[in-house]
Amino acid sequence: MKLDRRKLDLLLAEQTMTYTEMARECGLGYSNLHALLRRKSNRPATIGRIADALGVEPWEIIQKED
């Protein structure tokens, strides 16, 4: 599963949260979060942690596959 950067940007804007703040909520460092955003695939547990930090469901932050 790949994180959808555009969806994350919109959610962060809605919550007036920065990527640094989101990383802290997930228990990650900013550089680790940045690496996750560049990956082609992430583990489901990682997607779940990020979704929990944003208060959304995991399907709301992943890219739809073609």
PDB file of N, CA and C in Angstrom:
ATOM      1  N   MET A   1       0.848  -1.179   0.000  1.00  0.00           N
ATOM      2  CA  MET A   1       0.000   0.000   0.000  1.00  0.00           C
ATOM      3  C   MET A   1       0.889   1.236   0.000  1.00  0.00           C
ATOM      4  N   LYS A   2       0.544   2.183  -0.824  1.00  0.00           N
ATOM      5  CA  LYS A   2       1.311   3.423  -0.919  1.00  0.00           C
ATOM      6  C   LYS A   2       0.487   4.569  -0.344  1.00  0.00           C
ATOM      7  N   LEU A   3       1.144   5.379   0.457  1.00  0.00           N
ATOM      8  CA  LEU A   3       0.477   6.554   1.013  1.00  0.00           C
ATOM      9  C   LEU A   3       0.209   7.573  -0.078  1.00  0.00           C
ATOM     10  N   ASP A   4      -0.946   8.200  -0.028  1.00  0.00           N
ATOM     11  CA  ASP A   4      -1.311   9.233  -0.987  1.00  0.00           C
ATOM     12  C   ASP A   4      -0.942  10.591  -0.391  1.00  0.00           C
ATOM     13  N   ARG A   5       0.104  11.192  -0.905  1.00  0.00           N
ATOM     14  CA  ARG A   5       0.619  12.453  -0.361  1.00  0.00           C
ATOM     15  C   ARG A   5      -0.430  13.564  -0.438  1.00  0.00           C
ATOM     16  N   ARG A   6      -1.195  13.608  -1.519  1.00  0.00           N
ATOM     17  CA  ARG A   6      -2.222  14.647  -1.676  1.00  0.00           C
ATOM     18  C   ARG A   6      -3.294  14.525  -0.608  1.00  0.00           C
ATOM     19  N   LYS A   7      -3.723  13.300  -0.332  1.00  0.00           N
ATOM     20  CA  LYS A   7      -4.724  13.086   0.715  1.00  0.00           C
ATOM     21  C   LYS A   7      -4.172  13.476   2.080  1.00  0.00           C
ATOM     22  N   LEU A   8      -2.923  13.119   2.330  1.00  0.00           N
ATOM     23  CA  LEU A   8      -2.298  13.486   3.608  1.00  0.00           C
ATOM     24  C   LEU A   8      -2.204  14.997   3.747  1.00  0.00           C
ATOM     25  N   ASP A   9      -1.812  15.678   2.676  1.00  0.00           N
ATOM     26  CA  ASP A   9      -1.723  17.144   2.714  1.00  0.00           C
ATOM     27  C   ASP A   9      -3.073  17.763   3.065  1.00  0.00           C
ATOM     28  N   LEU A  10      -4.137  17.255   2.463  1.00  0.00           N
ATOM     29  CA  LEU A  10      -5.472  17.790   2.740  1.00  0.00           C
ATOM     30  C   LEU A  10      -5.888  17.541   4.194  1.00  0.00           C
ATOM     31  N   LEU A  11      -5.622  16.345   4.697  1.00  0.00           N
ATOM     32  CA  LEU A  11      -5.969  16.033   6.084  1.00  0.00           C
ATOM     33  C   LEU A  11      -5.171  16.886   7.062  1.00  0.00           C
ATOM     34  N   LEU A  12      -3.901  17.065   6.774  1.00  0.00           N
ATOM     35  CA  LEU A  12      -3.079  17.900   7.642  1.00  0.00           C
ATOM     36  C   LEU A  12      -3.567  19.346   7.628  1.00  0.00           C
ATOM     37  N   ALA A  13      -3.956  19.840   6.466  1.00  0.00           N
ATOM     38  CA  ALA A  13      -4.473  21.205   6.369  1.00  0.00           C
ATOM     39  C   ALA A  13      -5.764  21.346   7.164  1.00  0.00           C
ATOM     40  N   GLU A  14      -6.649  20.359   7.070  1.00  0.00           N
ATOM     41  CA  GLU A  14      -7.905  20.398   7.820  1.00  0.00           C
ATOM     42  C   GLU A  14      -7.653  20.457   9.320  1.00  0.00           C
ATOM     43  N   GLN A  15      -6.606  19.777   9.766  1.00  0.00           N
ATOM     44  CA  GLN A  15      -6.321  19.685  11.197  1.00  0.00           C
ATOM     45  C   GLN A  15      -5.259  20.691  11.644  1.00  0.00           C
ATOM     46  N   THR A  16      -4.846  21.567  10.734  1.00  0.00           N
ATOM     47  CA  THR A  16      -3.755  22.527  10.990  1.00  0.00           C
ATOM     48  C   THR A  16      -2.584  21.854  11.695  1.00  0.00           C
ATOM     49  N   MET A  17      -2.133  20.755  11.101  1.00  0.00           N
ATOM     50  CA  MET A  17      -1.044  19.949  11.643  1.00  0.00           C
ATOM     51  C   MET A  17       0.091  19.919  10.630  1.00  0.00           C
ATOM     52  N   THR A  18       1.322  19.932  11.105  1.00  0.00           N
ATOM     53  CA  THR A  18       2.479  19.816  10.226  1.00  0.00           C
ATOM     54  C   THR A  18       2.910  18.354  10.129  1.00  0.00           C
ATOM     55  N   TYR A  19       3.766  18.077   9.141  1.00  0.00           N
ATOM     56  CA  TYR A  19       4.301  16.725   9.028  1.00  0.00           C
ATOM     57  C   TYR A  19       5.136  16.372  10.258  1.00  0.00           C
ATOM     58  N   THR A  20       5.824  17.332  10.821  1.00  0.00           N
ATOM     59  CA  THR A  20       6.611  17.085  12.035  1.00  0.00           C
ATOM     60  C   THR A  20       5.705  16.682  13.188  1.00  0.00           C
ATOM     61  N   GLU A  21       4.587  17.379  13.341  1.00  0.00           N
ATOM     62  CA  GLU A  21       3.629  17.044  14.402  1.00  0.00           C
ATOM     63  C   GLU A  21       3.020  15.668  14.157  1.00  0.00           C
ATOM     64  N   MET A  22       2.700  15.363  12.895  1.00  0.00           N
ATOM     65  CA  MET A  22       2.128  14.057  12.576  1.00  0.00           C
ATOM     66  C   MET A  22       3.145  12.957  12.879  1.00  0.00           C
ATOM     67  N   ALA A  23       4.401  13.176  12.530  1.00  0.00           N
ATOM     68  CA  ALA A  23       5.440  12.186  12.819  1.00  0.00           C
ATOM     69  C   ALA A  23       5.524  11.929  14.316  1.00  0.00           C
ATOM     70  N   ARG A  24       5.473  12.985  15.104  1.00  0.00           N
ATOM     71  CA  ARG A  24       5.530  12.852  16.566  1.00  0.00           C
ATOM     72  C   ARG A  24       4.333  12.044  17.066  1.00  0.00           C
ATOM     73  N   GLU A  25       3.146  12.309  16.535  1.00  0.00           N
ATOM     74  CA  GLU A  25       1.936  11.571  16.944  1.00  0.00           C
ATOM     75  C   GLU A  25       2.043  10.087  16.597  1.00  0.00           C
ATOM     76  N   CYS A  26       2.758   9.786  15.503  1.00  0.00           N
ATOM     77  CA  CYS A  26       2.917   8.387  15.072  1.00  0.00           C
ATOM     78  C   CYS A  26       4.050   7.686  15.810  1.00  0.00           C
ATOM     79  N   GLY A  27       4.835   8.457  16.545  1.00  0.00           N
ATOM     80  CA  GLY A  27       5.989   7.878  17.218  1.00  0.00           C
ATOM     81  C   GLY A  27       7.166   7.676  16.276  1.00  0.00           C
ATOM     82  N   LEU A  28       7.230   8.497  15.227  1.00  0.00           N
ATOM     83  CA  LEU A  28       8.300   8.407  14.235  1.00  0.00           C
ATOM     84  C   LEU A  28       9.098   9.695  14.216  1.00  0.00           C
ATOM     85  N   GLY A  29      10.306   9.618  13.700  1.00  0.00           N
ATOM     86  CA  GLY A  29      11.066  10.818  13.429  1.00  0.00           C
ATOM     87  C   GLY A  29      10.614  11.388  12.090  1.00  0.00           C
ATOM     88  N   TYR A  30      10.853  12.674  11.869  1.00  0.00           N
ATOM     89  CA  TYR A  30      10.439  13.289  10.610  1.00  0.00           C
ATOM     90  C   TYR A  30      11.104  12.609   9.417  1.00  0.00           C
ATOM     91  N   SER A  31      12.379  12.289   9.520  1.00  0.00           N
ATOM     92  CA  SER A  31      13.081  11.664   8.389  1.00  0.00           C
ATOM     93  C   SER A  31      12.507  10.279   8.085  1.00  0.00           C
ATOM     94  N   ASN A  32      12.098   9.546   9.118  1.00  0.00           N
ATOM     95  CA  ASN A  32      11.462   8.242   8.892  1.00  0.00           C
ATOM     96  C   ASN A  32      10.116   8.400   8.190  1.00  0.00           C
ATOM     97  N   LEU A  33       9.338   9.389   8.619  1.00  0.00           N
ATOM     98  CA  LEU A  33       8.054   9.639   7.968  1.00  0.00           C
ATOM     99  C   LEU A  33       8.266  10.034   6.517  1.00  0.00           C
ATOM    100  N   HIS A  34       9.239  10.874   6.250  1.00  0.00           N
ATOM    101  CA  HIS A  34       9.528  11.301   4.885  1.00  0.00           C
ATOM    102  C   HIS A  34       9.888  10.090   4.019  1.00  0.00           C
ATOM    103  N   ALA A  35      10.660   9.164   4.561  1.00  0.00           N
ATOM    104  CA  ALA A  35      11.021   7.948   3.831  1.00  0.00           C
ATOM    105  C   ALA A  35       9.776   7.107   3.534  1.00  0.00           C
ATOM    106  N   LEU A  36       8.858   7.026   4.485  1.00  0.00           N
ATOM    107  CA  LEU A  36       7.614   6.269   4.274  1.00  0.00           C
ATOM    108  C   LEU A  36       6.790   6.873   3.140  1.00  0.00           C
ATOM    109  N   LEU A  37       6.797   8.191   3.041  1.00  0.00           N
ATOM    110  CA  LEU A  37       6.028   8.867   1.997  1.00  0.00           C
ATOM    111  C   LEU A  37       6.604   8.594   0.608  1.00  0.00           C
ATOM    112  N   ARG A  38       7.900   8.331   0.526  1.00  0.00           N
ATOM    113  CA  ARG A  38       8.538   8.069  -0.768  1.00  0.00           C
ATOM    114  C   ARG A  38       8.449   6.607  -1.183  1.00  0.00           C
ATOM    115  N   ARG A  39       8.195   5.722  -0.256  1.00  0.00           N
ATOM    116  CA  ARG A  39       8.160   4.288  -0.569  1.00  0.00           C
ATOM    117  C   ARG A  39       7.000   3.942  -1.490  1.00  0.00           C
ATOM    118  N   LYS A  40       7.229   2.911  -2.279  1.00  0.00           N
ATOM    119  CA  LYS A  40       6.173   2.417  -3.159  1.00  0.00           C
ATOM    120  C   LYS A  40       5.182   1.541  -2.397  1.00  0.00           C
ATOM    121  N   SER A  41       5.628   1.022  -1.251  1.00  0.00           N
ATOM    122  CA  SER A  41       4.762   0.155  -0.466  1.00  0.00           C
ATOM    123  C   SER A  41       5.112   0.277   1.013  1.00  0.00           C
ATOM    124  N   ASN A  42       4.092   0.257   1.840  1.00  0.00           N
ATOM    125  CA  ASN A  42       4.261   0.318   3.290  1.00  0.00           C
ATOM    126  C   ASN A  42       3.487  -0.819   3.931  1.00  0.00           C
ATOM    127  N   ARG A  43       3.937  -1.209   5.114  1.00  0.00           N
ATOM    128  CA  ARG A  43       3.246  -2.274   5.844  1.00  0.00           C
ATOM    129  C   ARG A  43       1.882  -1.766   6.318  1.00  0.00           C
ATOM    130  N   PRO A  44       0.897  -2.644   6.371  1.00  0.00           N
ATOM    131  CA  PRO A  44      -0.427  -2.245   6.856  1.00  0.00           C
ATOM    132  C   PRO A  44      -0.388  -1.639   8.260  1.00  0.00           C
ATOM    133  N   ALA A  45       0.464  -2.164   9.143  1.00  0.00           N
ATOM    134  CA  ALA A  45       0.538  -1.625  10.508  1.00  0.00           C
ATOM    135  C   ALA A  45       1.011  -0.170  10.498  1.00  0.00           C
ATOM    136  N   THR A  46       1.928   0.151   9.605  1.00  0.00           N
ATOM    137  CA  THR A  46       2.428   1.521   9.494  1.00  0.00           C
ATOM    138  C   THR A  46       1.329   2.451   9.000  1.00  0.00           C
ATOM    139  N   ILE A  47       0.606   2.013   8.005  1.00  0.00           N
ATOM    140  CA  ILE A  47      -0.524   2.800   7.486  1.00  0.00           C
ATOM    141  C   ILE A  47      -1.530   3.028   8.617  1.00  0.00           C
ATOM    142  N   GLY A  48      -1.774   1.995   9.412  1.00  0.00           N
ATOM    143  CA  GLY A  48      -2.706   2.106  10.535  1.00  0.00           C
ATOM    144  C   GLY A  48      -2.258   3.112  11.574  1.00  0.00           C
ATOM    145  N   ARG A  49      -0.966   3.134  11.881  1.00  0.00           N
ATOM    146  CA  ARG A  49      -0.435   4.100  12.866  1.00  0.00           C
ATOM    147  C   ARG A  49      -0.619   5.534  12.385  1.00  0.00           C
ATOM    148  N   ILE A  50      -0.355   5.767  11.109  1.00  0.00           N
ATOM    149  CA  ILE A  50      -0.509   7.109  10.560  1.00  0.00           C
ATOM    150  C   ILE A  50      -1.976   7.507  10.546  1.00  0.00           C
ATOM    151  N   ALA A  51      -2.841   6.583  10.147  1.00  0.00           N
ATOM    152  CA  ALA A  51      -4.281   6.861  10.135  1.00  0.00           C
ATOM    153  C   ALA A  51      -4.783   7.179  11.543  1.00  0.00           C
ATOM    154  N   ASP A  52      -4.337   6.413  12.532  1.00  0.00           N
ATOM    155  CA  ASP A  52      -4.732   6.676  13.923  1.00  0.00           C
ATOM    156  C   ASP A  52      -4.307   8.069  14.370  1.00  0.00           C
ATOM    157  N   ALA A  53      -3.092   8.465  13.998  1.00  0.00           N
ATOM    158  CA  ALA A  53      -2.587   9.782  14.389  1.00  0.00           C
ATOM    159  C   ALA A  53      -3.432  10.900  13.788  1.00  0.00           C
ATOM    160  N   LEU A  54      -4.000  10.634  12.613  1.00  0.00           N
ATOM    161  CA  LEU A  54      -4.825  11.646  11.940  1.00  0.00           C
ATOM    162  C   LEU A  54      -6.308  11.511  12.277  1.00  0.00           C
ATOM    163  N   GLY A  55      -6.667  10.434  12.939  1.00  0.00           N
ATOM    164  CA  GLY A  55      -8.071  10.219  13.291  1.00  0.00           C
ATOM    165  C   GLY A  55      -8.935   9.835  12.110  1.00  0.00           C
ATOM    166  N   VAL A  56      -8.340   9.089  11.156  1.00  0.00           N
ATOM    167  CA  VAL A  56      -9.081   8.658   9.971  1.00  0.00           C
ATOM    168  C   VAL A  56      -8.922   7.153   9.797  1.00  0.00           C
ATOM    169  N   GLU A  57      -9.629   6.599   8.844  1.00  0.00           N
ATOM    170  CA  GLU A  57      -9.511   5.186   8.510  1.00  0.00           C
ATOM    171  C   GLU A  57      -8.341   5.006   7.540  1.00  0.00           C
ATOM    172  N   PRO A  58      -7.647   3.872   7.603  1.00  0.00           N
ATOM    173  CA  PRO A  58      -6.492   3.653   6.719  1.00  0.00           C
ATOM    174  C   PRO A  58      -6.800   3.824   5.227  1.00  0.00           C
ATOM    175  N   TRP A  59      -7.956   3.383   4.778  1.00  0.00           N
ATOM    176  CA  TRP A  59      -8.272   3.498   3.351  1.00  0.00           C
ATOM    177  C   TRP A  59      -8.334   4.948   2.883  1.00  0.00           C
ATOM    178  N   GLU A  60      -8.473   5.885   3.821  1.00  0.00           N
ATOM    179  CA  GLU A  60      -8.566   7.294   3.455  1.00  0.00           C
ATOM    180  C   GLU A  60      -7.213   7.908   3.094  1.00  0.00           C
ATOM    181  N   ILE A  61      -6.110   7.231   3.396  1.00  0.00           N
ATOM    182  CA  ILE A  61      -4.796   7.824   3.141  1.00  0.00           C
ATOM    183  C   ILE A  61      -3.939   7.021   2.171  1.00  0.00           C
ATOM    184  N   ILE A  62      -4.484   5.965   1.576  1.00  0.00           N
ATOM    185  CA  ILE A  62      -3.695   5.198   0.624  1.00  0.00           C
ATOM    186  C   ILE A  62      -4.099   5.547  -0.792  1.00  0.00           C
ATOM    187  N   GLN A  63      -3.143   5.381  -1.694  1.00  0.00           N
ATOM    188  CA  GLN A  63      -3.402   5.620  -3.113  1.00  0.00           C
ATOM    189  C   GLN A  63      -4.219   4.476  -3.663  1.00  0.00           C
ATOM    190  N   LYS A  64      -5.159   4.804  -4.508  1.00  0.00           N
ATOM    191  CA  LYS A  64      -5.923   3.759  -5.184  1.00  0.00           C
ATOM    192  C   LYS A  64      -5.037   3.168  -6.270  1.00  0.00           C
ATOM    193  N   GLU A  65      -5.050   1.851  -6.355  1.00  0.00           N
ATOM    194  CA  GLU A  65      -4.250   1.171  -7.372  1.00  0.00           C
ATOM    195  C   GLU A  65      -5.035   1.108  -8.660  1.00  0.00           C
ATOM    196  N   ASP A  66      -4.303   1.289  -9.752  1.00  0.00           N
ATOM    197  CA  ASP A  66      -4.951   1.244 -11.073  1.00  0.00           C
ATOM    198  C   ASP A  66      -5.207  -0.159 -11.519  1.00  0.00           C
TER     199      ASP A  66
END
